[in-house]
Structures are given as C-alpha cells and as structure tokens.
Amino acid sequence: MELYTDEFFMREALKEAQKALAIDEVPVGAVVVAKNRIIARAHNQTEKLTDATAHAEMLATTAAANYLGSKYLTECTLYVTLEPCVMCGGALAWVQLGKLVYGASDVQRGYSLIRLQVLHPKTEVISGVFAVEAKELIDKFFKRIRE
C-alpha cells in the first residue's frame, strides 16, 4: 500500500475548498482519512443549507462517523484548509479525533484563540500545511464579496 503524505491529503482538502468558492461559500474544505484512505469529503455549505453549523469539518466528521458506524474518530485524521473554529474544535473533541492537520490559521475565530483546552487531549495537531494556498482562497473570497 502506498503511503500518502499530509501534503497529498491537504491538496484534496484544497479541492473541496475550491468547490465552496465556486458556489459562493467561504472556501474551506476538509477530508477525513482512515488507514491512508479518504473516507469523507466536505466543504462549507452554510449558505446552501441555510445552516450556520454546516462547516466543512462538521459535515466531513459526520460523514466519516456514518461511514465507520462509530461516533468516535480516534483512528482518523482530519485535513482542513482553515483552522477550525471553537464550535468545530468542540465537535472534534467529542469525536475524539486522532489527528488534526490544518492549513491557514484563523486569527479571528480559530479554536486556538481560546485559552482553554478545546480539542481532545490526545489529538495530535499539525498546522501550516499549504497555509499560503488556503489563505489565498479565503482572501480571494472576501475580496470578491467586498467589491
């Protein structure tokens, strides 16, 4: 079995972010990986679904849990283009996510802005994977809506 890198899976999350951008959603994309295989993909759909909780991370982890038939994702890695917000961070704690890899930091609403432990204590975190590319998508979106 070929082993894929964090960069490979983040590229897949960036593809999801592009899908969000194409439908005028904040361009955040996510994939959930188990045993070196993508088991769920999602992008932000808050506008489409008129649901403020329809963030890429929430949709992807729900799909992954359904796929696995388990509410826990202890053996999974979530790749997401933007640092999860506090809501998503809390959800990741509840699913006991094994590993979180994100691209750009969210300096306004990211979970790391909270002083308390938001993620599950055993969740491994890697940040900054394709951060520049992820931030460029976000900047492109907000520039477009401000014009």
N, C-alpha and C. Protein backbone atom coordinates (compact mmCIF):
# COMPACT_ATOMS: atom_id res chain seq x y z
N MET A 1 0.85 -1.18 0.00
CA MET A 1 0.00 0.00 0.00
C MET A 1 0.89 1.24 0.00
N GLU A 2 0.59 2.15 -0.91
CA GLU A 2 1.34 3.39 -0.98
C GLU A 2 0.92 4.30 0.16
N LEU A 3 1.89 4.90 0.83
CA LEU A 3 1.59 5.84 1.90
C LEU A 3 1.56 7.25 1.35
N TYR A 4 0.50 7.95 1.64
CA TYR A 4 0.36 9.32 1.18
C TYR A 4 0.81 10.26 2.28
N THR A 5 1.17 11.47 1.89
CA THR A 5 1.68 12.47 2.83
C THR A 5 0.57 13.41 3.28
N ASP A 6 0.87 14.19 4.31
CA ASP A 6 -0.06 15.23 4.73
C ASP A 6 -0.33 16.19 3.58
N GLU A 7 0.68 16.47 2.78
CA GLU A 7 0.52 17.38 1.65
C GLU A 7 -0.44 16.81 0.62
N PHE A 8 -0.36 15.51 0.36
CA PHE A 8 -1.29 14.88 -0.59
C PHE A 8 -2.73 15.08 -0.14
N PHE A 9 -3.01 14.78 1.12
CA PHE A 9 -4.39 14.88 1.61
C PHE A 9 -4.84 16.34 1.74
N MET A 10 -3.92 17.24 2.05
CA MET A 10 -4.30 18.66 2.11
C MET A 10 -4.65 19.17 0.72
N ARG A 11 -3.97 18.68 -0.31
CA ARG A 11 -4.35 19.06 -1.67
C ARG A 11 -5.81 18.66 -1.95
N GLU A 12 -6.21 17.52 -1.43
CA GLU A 12 -7.60 17.07 -1.60
C GLU A 12 -8.56 18.00 -0.85
N ALA A 13 -8.17 18.43 0.33
CA ALA A 13 -8.98 19.39 1.08
C ALA A 13 -9.07 20.72 0.33
N LEU A 14 -7.97 21.13 -0.29
CA LEU A 14 -7.98 22.37 -1.08
C LEU A 14 -8.94 22.26 -2.27
N LYS A 15 -9.05 21.07 -2.85
CA LYS A 15 -10.02 20.85 -3.94
C LYS A 15 -11.44 21.07 -3.42
N GLU A 16 -11.70 20.62 -2.21
CA GLU A 16 -13.02 20.86 -1.61
C GLU A 16 -13.25 22.34 -1.36
N ALA A 17 -12.21 23.04 -0.93
CA ALA A 17 -12.33 24.48 -0.71
C ALA A 17 -12.65 25.20 -2.02
N GLN A 18 -12.06 24.75 -3.10
CA GLN A 18 -12.35 25.33 -4.43
C GLN A 18 -13.83 25.14 -4.77
N LYS A 19 -14.40 23.99 -4.42
CA LYS A 19 -15.82 23.73 -4.66
C LYS A 19 -16.68 24.74 -3.89
N ALA A 20 -16.29 25.02 -2.66
CA ALA A 20 -17.02 26.00 -1.86
C ALA A 20 -16.94 27.39 -2.51
N LEU A 21 -15.75 27.77 -2.94
CA LEU A 21 -15.57 29.07 -3.60
C LEU A 21 -16.46 29.18 -4.83
N ALA A 22 -16.57 28.09 -5.58
CA ALA A 22 -17.36 28.09 -6.81
C ALA A 22 -18.85 28.32 -6.56
N ILE A 23 -19.32 28.02 -5.34
CA ILE A 23 -20.75 28.22 -5.03
C ILE A 23 -20.94 29.37 -4.03
N ASP A 24 -19.95 30.25 -3.98
CA ASP A 24 -20.01 31.45 -3.12
C ASP A 24 -20.14 31.15 -1.64
N GLU A 25 -19.47 30.10 -1.20
CA GLU A 25 -19.35 29.79 0.22
C GLU A 25 -17.94 30.17 0.65
N VAL A 26 -17.75 30.42 1.95
CA VAL A 26 -16.40 30.65 2.45
C VAL A 26 -15.59 29.40 2.08
N PRO A 27 -14.47 29.57 1.36
CA PRO A 27 -13.76 28.42 0.81
C PRO A 27 -12.93 27.64 1.83
N VAL A 28 -13.62 26.77 2.53
CA VAL A 28 -12.97 25.85 3.45
C VAL A 28 -13.33 24.44 3.01
N GLY A 29 -12.32 23.59 2.92
CA GLY A 29 -12.53 22.21 2.53
C GLY A 29 -11.91 21.27 3.54
N ALA A 30 -12.46 20.06 3.60
CA ALA A 30 -11.98 19.07 4.57
C ALA A 30 -12.08 17.66 4.00
N VAL A 31 -11.15 16.82 4.40
CA VAL A 31 -11.24 15.38 4.14
C VAL A 31 -10.88 14.64 5.42
N VAL A 32 -11.52 13.50 5.62
CA VAL A 32 -11.19 12.64 6.75
C VAL A 32 -10.54 11.39 6.18
N VAL A 33 -9.43 11.01 6.79
CA VAL A 33 -8.63 9.87 6.33
C VAL A 33 -8.56 8.82 7.42
N ALA A 34 -8.78 7.58 7.02
CA ALA A 34 -8.61 6.42 7.91
C ALA A 34 -7.81 5.38 7.16
N LYS A 35 -6.79 4.87 7.79
CA LYS A 35 -5.94 3.84 7.18
C LYS A 35 -5.48 4.25 5.79
N ASN A 36 -5.02 5.50 5.70
CA ASN A 36 -4.42 6.02 4.47
C ASN A 36 -5.42 6.15 3.32
N ARG A 37 -6.71 6.24 3.65
CA ARG A 37 -7.76 6.32 2.64
C ARG A 37 -8.77 7.40 3.01
N ILE A 38 -9.17 8.20 2.04
CA ILE A 38 -10.19 9.23 2.29
C ILE A 38 -11.54 8.54 2.45
N ILE A 39 -12.16 8.77 3.62
CA ILE A 39 -13.48 8.17 3.87
C ILE A 39 -14.59 9.21 3.86
N ALA A 40 -14.24 10.50 3.86
CA ALA A 40 -15.25 11.56 3.81
C ALA A 40 -14.62 12.83 3.26
N ARG A 41 -15.43 13.59 2.53
CA ARG A 41 -15.03 14.88 1.96
C ARG A 41 -16.15 15.86 2.19
N ALA A 42 -15.80 17.11 2.38
CA ALA A 42 -16.84 18.13 2.52
C ALA A 42 -16.24 19.52 2.33
N HIS A 43 -17.12 20.46 2.07
CA HIS A 43 -16.75 21.88 2.02
C HIS A 43 -17.87 22.66 2.69
N ASN A 44 -17.56 23.90 3.03
CA ASN A 44 -18.56 24.73 3.69
C ASN A 44 -19.84 24.79 2.86
N GLN A 45 -20.98 24.70 3.55
CA GLN A 45 -22.27 24.79 2.88
C GLN A 45 -23.27 25.57 3.73
N THR A 46 -22.79 26.53 4.47
CA THR A 46 -23.69 27.28 5.37
C THR A 46 -24.76 28.05 4.60
N GLU A 47 -24.40 28.62 3.47
CA GLU A 47 -25.37 29.37 2.67
C GLU A 47 -26.33 28.42 1.97
N LYS A 48 -25.78 27.41 1.33
CA LYS A 48 -26.60 26.46 0.58
C LYS A 48 -27.64 25.77 1.47
N LEU A 49 -27.22 25.38 2.66
CA LEU A 49 -28.10 24.65 3.56
C LEU A 49 -28.82 25.56 4.55
N THR A 50 -28.55 26.86 4.48
CA THR A 50 -29.03 27.84 5.48
C THR A 50 -28.89 27.28 6.89
N ASP A 51 -27.64 26.89 7.18
CA ASP A 51 -27.31 26.26 8.45
C ASP A 51 -25.93 26.78 8.88
N ALA A 52 -25.91 27.57 9.92
CA ALA A 52 -24.66 28.14 10.40
C ALA A 52 -23.66 27.10 10.89
N THR A 53 -24.13 25.89 11.14
CA THR A 53 -23.23 24.83 11.60
C THR A 53 -22.69 23.97 10.45
N ALA A 54 -23.04 24.26 9.24
CA ALA A 54 -22.64 23.43 8.10
C ALA A 54 -21.22 23.75 7.63
N HIS A 55 -20.30 23.75 8.58
CA HIS A 55 -18.89 23.95 8.27
C HIS A 55 -18.31 22.65 7.69
N ALA A 56 -17.26 22.80 6.91
CA ALA A 56 -16.64 21.65 6.26
C ALA A 56 -16.29 20.55 7.27
N GLU A 57 -15.73 20.95 8.42
CA GLU A 57 -15.32 19.97 9.43
C GLU A 57 -16.50 19.19 9.98
N MET A 58 -17.60 19.90 10.24
CA MET A 58 -18.79 19.26 10.80
C MET A 58 -19.37 18.25 9.81
N LEU A 59 -19.47 18.67 8.55
CA LEU A 59 -20.03 17.80 7.52
C LEU A 59 -19.12 16.58 7.27
N ALA A 60 -17.82 16.81 7.25
CA ALA A 60 -16.88 15.72 6.99
C ALA A 60 -16.84 14.71 8.15
N THR A 61 -16.84 15.21 9.38
CA THR A 61 -16.78 14.27 10.51
C THR A 61 -18.09 13.49 10.65
N THR A 62 -19.20 14.12 10.35
CA THR A 62 -20.48 13.40 10.37
C THR A 62 -20.49 12.29 9.33
N ALA A 63 -20.03 12.61 8.13
CA ALA A 63 -19.97 11.61 7.06
C ALA A 63 -19.01 10.48 7.43
N ALA A 64 -17.88 10.82 8.03
CA ALA A 64 -16.91 9.79 8.43
C ALA A 64 -17.48 8.89 9.51
N ALA A 65 -18.15 9.47 10.49
CA ALA A 65 -18.76 8.67 11.56
C ALA A 65 -19.82 7.73 10.99
N ASN A 66 -20.61 8.23 10.06
CA ASN A 66 -21.61 7.38 9.42
C ASN A 66 -20.95 6.25 8.64
N TYR A 67 -19.88 6.56 7.93
CA TYR A 67 -19.14 5.55 7.15
C TYR A 67 -18.60 4.45 8.07
N LEU A 68 -18.03 4.87 9.19
CA LEU A 68 -17.42 3.91 10.12
C LEU A 68 -18.44 3.24 11.03
N GLY A 69 -19.62 3.82 11.16
CA GLY A 69 -20.61 3.30 12.10
C GLY A 69 -20.18 3.51 13.54
N SER A 70 -19.49 4.61 13.78
CA SER A 70 -18.98 4.91 15.12
C SER A 70 -19.00 6.41 15.35
N LYS A 71 -19.30 6.82 16.57
CA LYS A 71 -19.27 8.25 16.85
C LYS A 71 -17.85 8.74 17.14
N TYR A 72 -16.91 7.84 17.27
CA TYR A 72 -15.53 8.21 17.56
C TYR A 72 -14.65 8.08 16.32
N LEU A 73 -13.74 9.03 16.17
CA LEU A 73 -12.81 9.04 15.05
C LEU A 73 -11.37 9.00 15.57
N THR A 74 -11.12 8.14 16.54
CA THR A 74 -9.81 8.09 17.19
C THR A 74 -8.70 7.64 16.25
N GLU A 75 -9.04 6.90 15.23
CA GLU A 75 -8.02 6.41 14.29
C GLU A 75 -8.00 7.22 13.00
N CYS A 76 -8.63 8.38 13.01
CA CYS A 76 -8.76 9.20 11.80
C CYS A 76 -7.97 10.49 11.89
N THR A 77 -7.68 11.01 10.71
CA THR A 77 -7.05 12.32 10.58
C THR A 77 -7.99 13.21 9.78
N LEU A 78 -8.21 14.41 10.28
CA LEU A 78 -8.99 15.42 9.56
C LEU A 78 -8.01 16.41 8.96
N TYR A 79 -8.11 16.60 7.66
CA TYR A 79 -7.34 17.63 6.95
C TYR A 79 -8.32 18.72 6.59
N VAL A 80 -8.05 19.93 7.04
CA VAL A 80 -8.94 21.06 6.79
C VAL A 80 -8.10 22.28 6.43
N THR A 81 -8.58 23.06 5.47
CA THR A 81 -7.77 24.15 4.93
C THR A 81 -7.64 25.34 5.87
N LEU A 82 -8.57 25.49 6.80
CA LEU A 82 -8.54 26.60 7.74
C LEU A 82 -8.67 26.06 9.16
N GLU A 83 -7.95 26.66 10.07
CA GLU A 83 -8.04 26.26 11.48
C GLU A 83 -9.50 26.21 11.91
N PRO A 84 -9.92 25.12 12.54
CA PRO A 84 -11.31 25.02 12.98
C PRO A 84 -11.69 26.11 13.99
N CYS A 85 -12.95 26.53 13.91
CA CYS A 85 -13.48 27.48 14.89
C CYS A 85 -13.72 26.74 16.21
N VAL A 86 -14.15 27.46 17.21
CA VAL A 86 -14.40 26.86 18.52
C VAL A 86 -15.50 25.81 18.45
N MET A 87 -16.57 26.07 17.68
CA MET A 87 -17.64 25.09 17.53
C MET A 87 -17.10 23.79 16.96
N CYS A 88 -16.34 23.89 15.88
CA CYS A 88 -15.79 22.70 15.24
C CYS A 88 -14.75 22.02 16.13
N GLY A 89 -13.95 22.83 16.81
CA GLY A 89 -12.96 22.27 17.74
C GLY A 89 -13.64 21.45 18.82
N GLY A 90 -14.75 21.96 19.35
CA GLY A 90 -15.51 21.22 20.35
C GLY A 90 -16.04 19.91 19.79
N ALA A 91 -16.55 19.95 18.57
CA ALA A 91 -17.04 18.73 17.93
C ALA A 91 -15.91 17.73 17.73
N LEU A 92 -14.73 18.23 17.38
CA LEU A 92 -13.58 17.33 17.19
C LEU A 92 -13.17 16.69 18.51
N ALA A 93 -13.35 17.41 19.60
CA ALA A 93 -13.09 16.82 20.92
C ALA A 93 -14.08 15.69 21.19
N TRP A 94 -15.36 15.93 20.89
CA TRP A 94 -16.39 14.91 21.16
C TRP A 94 -16.18 13.66 20.33
N VAL A 95 -15.68 13.79 19.09
CA VAL A 95 -15.44 12.59 18.27
C VAL A 95 -14.08 11.97 18.58
N GLN A 96 -13.34 12.60 19.48
CA GLN A 96 -12.02 12.12 19.89
C GLN A 96 -11.09 11.90 18.69
N LEU A 97 -11.05 12.92 17.84
CA LEU A 97 -10.23 12.86 16.63
C LEU A 97 -8.79 12.51 16.95
N GLY A 98 -8.23 11.59 16.17
CA GLY A 98 -6.85 11.17 16.38
C GLY A 98 -5.83 12.23 16.00
N LYS A 99 -6.06 12.88 14.84
CA LYS A 99 -5.08 13.85 14.35
C LYS A 99 -5.80 14.92 13.55
N LEU A 100 -5.37 16.15 13.75
CA LEU A 100 -5.88 17.30 13.01
C LEU A 100 -4.73 17.94 12.25
N VAL A 101 -4.92 18.13 10.95
CA VAL A 101 -3.93 18.83 10.13
C VAL A 101 -4.68 19.98 9.45
N TYR A 102 -4.21 21.21 9.71
CA TYR A 102 -4.88 22.32 9.04
C TYR A 102 -3.88 23.23 8.35
N GLY A 103 -4.43 24.01 7.41
CA GLY A 103 -3.61 24.91 6.62
C GLY A 103 -3.43 26.25 7.30
N ALA A 104 -4.26 27.21 6.93
CA ALA A 104 -4.14 28.57 7.44
C ALA A 104 -4.72 28.69 8.84
N SER A 105 -4.09 29.54 9.65
CA SER A 105 -4.64 29.86 10.96
C SER A 105 -5.81 30.82 10.78
N ASP A 106 -6.79 30.70 11.67
CA ASP A 106 -7.92 31.64 11.66
C ASP A 106 -7.70 32.60 12.81
N VAL A 107 -7.18 33.77 12.48
CA VAL A 107 -6.78 34.73 13.52
C VAL A 107 -7.97 35.45 14.16
N GLN A 108 -9.17 35.25 13.61
CA GLN A 108 -10.36 35.88 14.18
C GLN A 108 -11.24 34.91 14.96
N ARG A 109 -11.34 33.65 14.49
CA ARG A 109 -12.28 32.73 15.13
C ARG A 109 -11.72 31.34 15.37
N GLY A 110 -10.43 31.15 15.22
CA GLY A 110 -9.83 29.83 15.40
C GLY A 110 -9.91 29.33 16.84
N TYR A 111 -9.99 28.01 16.98
CA TYR A 111 -10.11 27.42 18.32
C TYR A 111 -8.92 27.75 19.20
N SER A 112 -7.75 27.98 18.60
CA SER A 112 -6.55 28.22 19.41
C SER A 112 -6.57 29.59 20.11
N LEU A 113 -7.52 30.44 19.75
CA LEU A 113 -7.64 31.73 20.43
C LEU A 113 -8.19 31.58 21.84
N ILE A 114 -8.83 30.46 22.11
CA ILE A 114 -9.42 30.19 23.42
C ILE A 114 -8.33 29.65 24.33
N ARG A 115 -8.26 30.14 25.53
CA ARG A 115 -7.20 29.72 26.45
C ARG A 115 -7.42 28.30 26.97
N LEU A 116 -8.66 27.86 26.98
CA LEU A 116 -8.97 26.52 27.48
C LEU A 116 -8.63 25.46 26.44
N GLN A 117 -8.44 24.24 26.91
CA GLN A 117 -8.22 23.11 26.01
C GLN A 117 -9.52 22.83 25.27
N VAL A 118 -9.53 23.01 23.95
CA VAL A 118 -10.74 22.78 23.16
C VAL A 118 -10.74 21.38 22.57
N LEU A 119 -9.63 20.98 21.97
CA LEU A 119 -9.55 19.67 21.34
C LEU A 119 -9.37 18.58 22.40
N HIS A 120 -9.60 17.35 22.00
CA HIS A 120 -9.35 16.22 22.88
C HIS A 120 -7.86 16.20 23.21
N PRO A 121 -7.49 15.89 24.45
CA PRO A 121 -6.07 15.96 24.83
C PRO A 121 -5.16 15.03 24.03
N LYS A 122 -5.70 13.96 23.46
CA LYS A 122 -4.88 13.03 22.70
C LYS A 122 -4.79 13.38 21.21
N THR A 123 -5.51 14.40 20.77
CA THR A 123 -5.47 14.78 19.35
C THR A 123 -4.14 15.41 19.01
N GLU A 124 -3.46 14.82 18.05
CA GLU A 124 -2.22 15.39 17.53
C GLU A 124 -2.58 16.51 16.56
N VAL A 125 -1.86 17.62 16.59
CA VAL A 125 -2.16 18.76 15.72
C VAL A 125 -0.93 19.16 14.92
N ILE A 126 -1.15 19.33 13.63
CA ILE A 126 -0.12 19.86 12.73
C ILE A 126 -0.76 21.03 12.00
N SER A 127 -0.10 22.17 12.00
CA SER A 127 -0.67 23.35 11.33
C SER A 127 0.28 23.85 10.26
N GLY A 128 -0.26 24.67 9.37
CA GLY A 128 0.56 25.34 8.37
C GLY A 128 0.77 24.58 7.07
N VAL A 129 0.11 23.45 6.87
CA VAL A 129 0.28 22.68 5.64
C VAL A 129 -0.49 23.40 4.52
N PHE A 130 0.22 23.90 3.53
CA PHE A 130 -0.34 24.69 2.44
C PHE A 130 -1.12 25.90 2.96
N ALA A 131 -0.61 26.50 4.01
CA ALA A 131 -1.26 27.66 4.63
C ALA A 131 -1.40 28.82 3.64
N VAL A 132 -0.39 29.06 2.84
CA VAL A 132 -0.43 30.18 1.88
C VAL A 132 -1.55 29.97 0.87
N GLU A 133 -1.64 28.77 0.33
CA GLU A 133 -2.68 28.48 -0.66
C GLU A 133 -4.08 28.59 -0.05
N ALA A 134 -4.23 28.09 1.16
CA ALA A 134 -5.52 28.16 1.84
C ALA A 134 -5.92 29.61 2.12
N LYS A 135 -4.96 30.41 2.58
CA LYS A 135 -5.25 31.82 2.87
C LYS A 135 -5.57 32.58 1.60
N GLU A 136 -4.90 32.25 0.50
CA GLU A 136 -5.19 32.92 -0.78
C GLU A 136 -6.64 32.70 -1.19
N LEU A 137 -7.17 31.50 -0.99
CA LEU A 137 -8.58 31.22 -1.31
C LEU A 137 -9.51 32.06 -0.45
N ILE A 138 -9.22 32.12 0.85
CA ILE A 138 -10.04 32.91 1.77
C ILE A 138 -10.00 34.38 1.36
N ASP A 139 -8.79 34.90 1.10
CA ASP A 139 -8.64 36.30 0.71
C ASP A 139 -9.38 36.60 -0.60
N LYS A 140 -9.30 35.67 -1.55
CA LYS A 140 -10.00 35.83 -2.83
C LYS A 140 -11.50 35.95 -2.61
N PHE A 141 -12.04 35.09 -1.75
CA PHE A 141 -13.47 35.11 -1.45
C PHE A 141 -13.89 36.45 -0.85
N PHE A 142 -13.19 36.87 0.20
CA PHE A 142 -13.59 38.10 0.88
C PHE A 142 -13.36 39.35 0.02
N LYS A 143 -12.35 39.32 -0.84
CA LYS A 143 -12.15 40.43 -1.76
C LYS A 143 -13.32 40.50 -2.73
N ARG A 144 -13.77 39.35 -3.21
CA ARG A 144 -14.88 39.29 -4.16
C ARG A 144 -16.17 39.82 -3.55
N ILE A 145 -16.46 39.46 -2.30
CA ILE A 145 -17.73 39.91 -1.72
C ILE A 145 -17.70 41.37 -1.30
N ARG A 146 -16.51 41.93 -1.16
CA ARG A 146 -16.40 43.35 -0.77
C ARG A 146 -16.39 44.28 -1.97
N GLU A 147 -16.26 43.73 -3.18
CA GLU A 147 -16.21 44.57 -4.39
C GLU A 147 -17.58 45.07 -4.78
